[in-house]
Amino acid sequence: MDICIPVDLDDNGLITNAAMVAGSIGMQISSSGTELHSGNGEMGVDTLQPMSGWWMYETKTEDELLEEKRVAYEEKRKVFPHYQFPEWNEKESVAYMGWD
């Protein structure tokens, strides 16, 4: 089971909202160093071990996400100035345009 918790990341005084995720990330495959059953002295991969780990990633507030969408909308208006985009109307217009 993976677990995700909110954290505040302090990078020399710069506080960033983040989340930490921990859980099973995969398997490590290795050789135990013993001879394989082939009988010719060959050694190979014969050990499988589960691996656990954690990650942190930056999270954004709804206001930050909305501002990113507004900026993307303005950039698209620069590229396609004559296209009839719905007028910017907070969340409704962004969701309607499918740019989220």
Protein backbone atom coordinates (compact mmCIF):
# COMPACT_ATOMS: atom_id res chain seq x y z
CA MET A 1 0.00 0.00 0.00
CA ASP A 2 1.37 3.42 -0.96
CA ILE A 3 1.00 6.32 1.44
CA CYS A 4 0.97 10.02 0.53
CA ILE A 5 1.22 12.80 3.11
CA PRO A 6 1.43 16.59 2.70
CA VAL A 7 4.73 18.17 3.77
CA ASP A 8 6.30 21.62 3.77
CA LEU A 9 9.71 21.49 2.11
CA ASP A 10 12.15 24.05 3.56
CA ASP A 11 14.95 24.74 1.08
CA ASN A 12 17.13 27.25 2.94
CA GLY A 13 14.10 29.29 3.99
CA LEU A 14 12.12 28.87 0.76
CA ILE A 15 9.00 26.95 1.82
CA THR A 16 7.34 24.81 -0.86
CA ASN A 17 4.12 22.83 -0.53
CA ALA A 18 4.88 19.22 -1.35
CA ALA A 19 3.71 15.67 -0.87
CA MET A 20 5.70 12.62 0.13
CA VAL A 21 4.84 9.19 -1.23
CA ALA A 22 6.26 5.98 0.17
CA GLY A 23 5.72 2.40 -0.82
CA SER A 24 6.89 -0.55 -2.86
CA ILE A 25 8.75 0.74 -5.91
CA GLY A 26 9.86 -2.44 -7.60
CA MET A 27 12.14 -5.43 -7.38
CA GLN A 28 15.91 -5.78 -7.28
CA ILE A 29 17.27 -8.71 -9.27
CA SER A 30 20.80 -9.89 -8.55
CA SER A 31 23.12 -12.87 -8.37
CA SER A 32 23.83 -14.67 -5.12
CA GLY A 33 27.19 -15.73 -6.53
CA THR A 34 26.34 -19.42 -6.51
CA GLU A 35 26.63 -21.62 -9.55
CA LEU A 36 23.51 -22.15 -11.65
CA HIS A 37 22.04 -25.63 -12.15
CA SER A 38 23.48 -25.85 -15.67
CA GLY A 39 26.58 -27.60 -14.32
CA ASN A 40 29.06 -25.60 -16.43
CA GLY A 41 30.19 -23.23 -13.62
CA GLU A 42 28.04 -20.41 -14.88
CA MET A 43 26.66 -17.84 -12.43
CA GLY A 44 23.64 -15.71 -13.17
CA VAL A 45 20.67 -13.85 -11.82
CA ASP A 46 18.95 -15.97 -9.19
CA THR A 47 17.81 -13.60 -6.44
CA LEU A 48 14.71 -11.41 -6.35
CA GLN A 49 14.21 -8.84 -3.57
CA PRO A 50 11.38 -6.30 -3.08
CA MET A 51 12.45 -2.66 -2.86
CA SER A 52 10.73 0.15 -1.00
CA GLY A 53 11.34 3.85 -1.34
CA TRP A 54 9.88 7.34 -1.18
CA TRP A 55 9.53 10.43 -3.37
CA MET A 56 8.62 14.05 -2.82
CA TYR A 57 6.89 16.21 -5.38
CA GLU A 58 5.75 19.82 -5.43
CA THR A 59 2.03 20.43 -5.07
CA LYS A 60 0.11 23.52 -6.13
CA THR A 61 -2.88 25.33 -4.70
CA GLU A 62 -6.07 25.73 -6.72
CA ASP A 63 -5.19 29.40 -7.22
CA GLU A 64 -1.76 28.47 -8.64
CA LEU A 65 -3.33 25.93 -11.01
CA LEU A 66 -5.95 28.44 -12.10
CA GLU A 67 -3.27 31.05 -12.81
CA GLU A 68 -1.32 28.53 -14.94
CA LYS A 69 -4.47 27.82 -16.94
CA ARG A 70 -5.13 31.55 -17.36
CA VAL A 71 -1.58 32.08 -18.69
CA ALA A 72 -2.00 29.12 -21.09
CA TYR A 73 -5.27 30.64 -22.30
CA GLU A 74 -3.57 34.00 -22.95
CA GLU A 75 -0.72 32.27 -24.84
CA LYS A 76 -3.19 30.42 -27.08
CA ARG A 77 -4.97 33.73 -27.77
CA LYS A 78 -1.63 35.14 -29.00
CA VAL A 79 -1.17 32.23 -31.44
CA PHE A 80 -4.81 32.12 -32.61
CA PRO A 81 -6.06 35.72 -32.21
CA HIS A 82 -9.07 35.32 -34.53
CA TYR A 83 -10.35 32.04 -33.12
CA GLN A 84 -13.52 32.52 -31.04
CA PHE A 85 -12.41 31.24 -27.65
CA PRO A 86 -14.92 31.48 -24.82
CA GLU A 87 -14.13 34.54 -22.73
CA TRP A 88 -12.03 33.92 -19.66
CA ASN A 89 -14.48 33.09 -16.88
CA GLU A 90 -12.43 31.54 -14.09
CA LYS A 91 -12.72 27.72 -13.84
CA GLU A 92 -15.73 27.23 -16.11
CA SER A 93 -14.01 28.49 -19.27
CA VAL A 94 -10.82 26.52 -18.67
CA ALA A 95 -12.73 23.28 -18.09
CA TYR A 96 -14.87 23.93 -21.17
CA MET A 97 -11.78 24.40 -23.36
CA GLY A 98 -10.34 21.11 -22.16
CA TRP A 99 -6.94 22.61 -21.37
CA ASP A 100 -6.65 21.17 -17.91
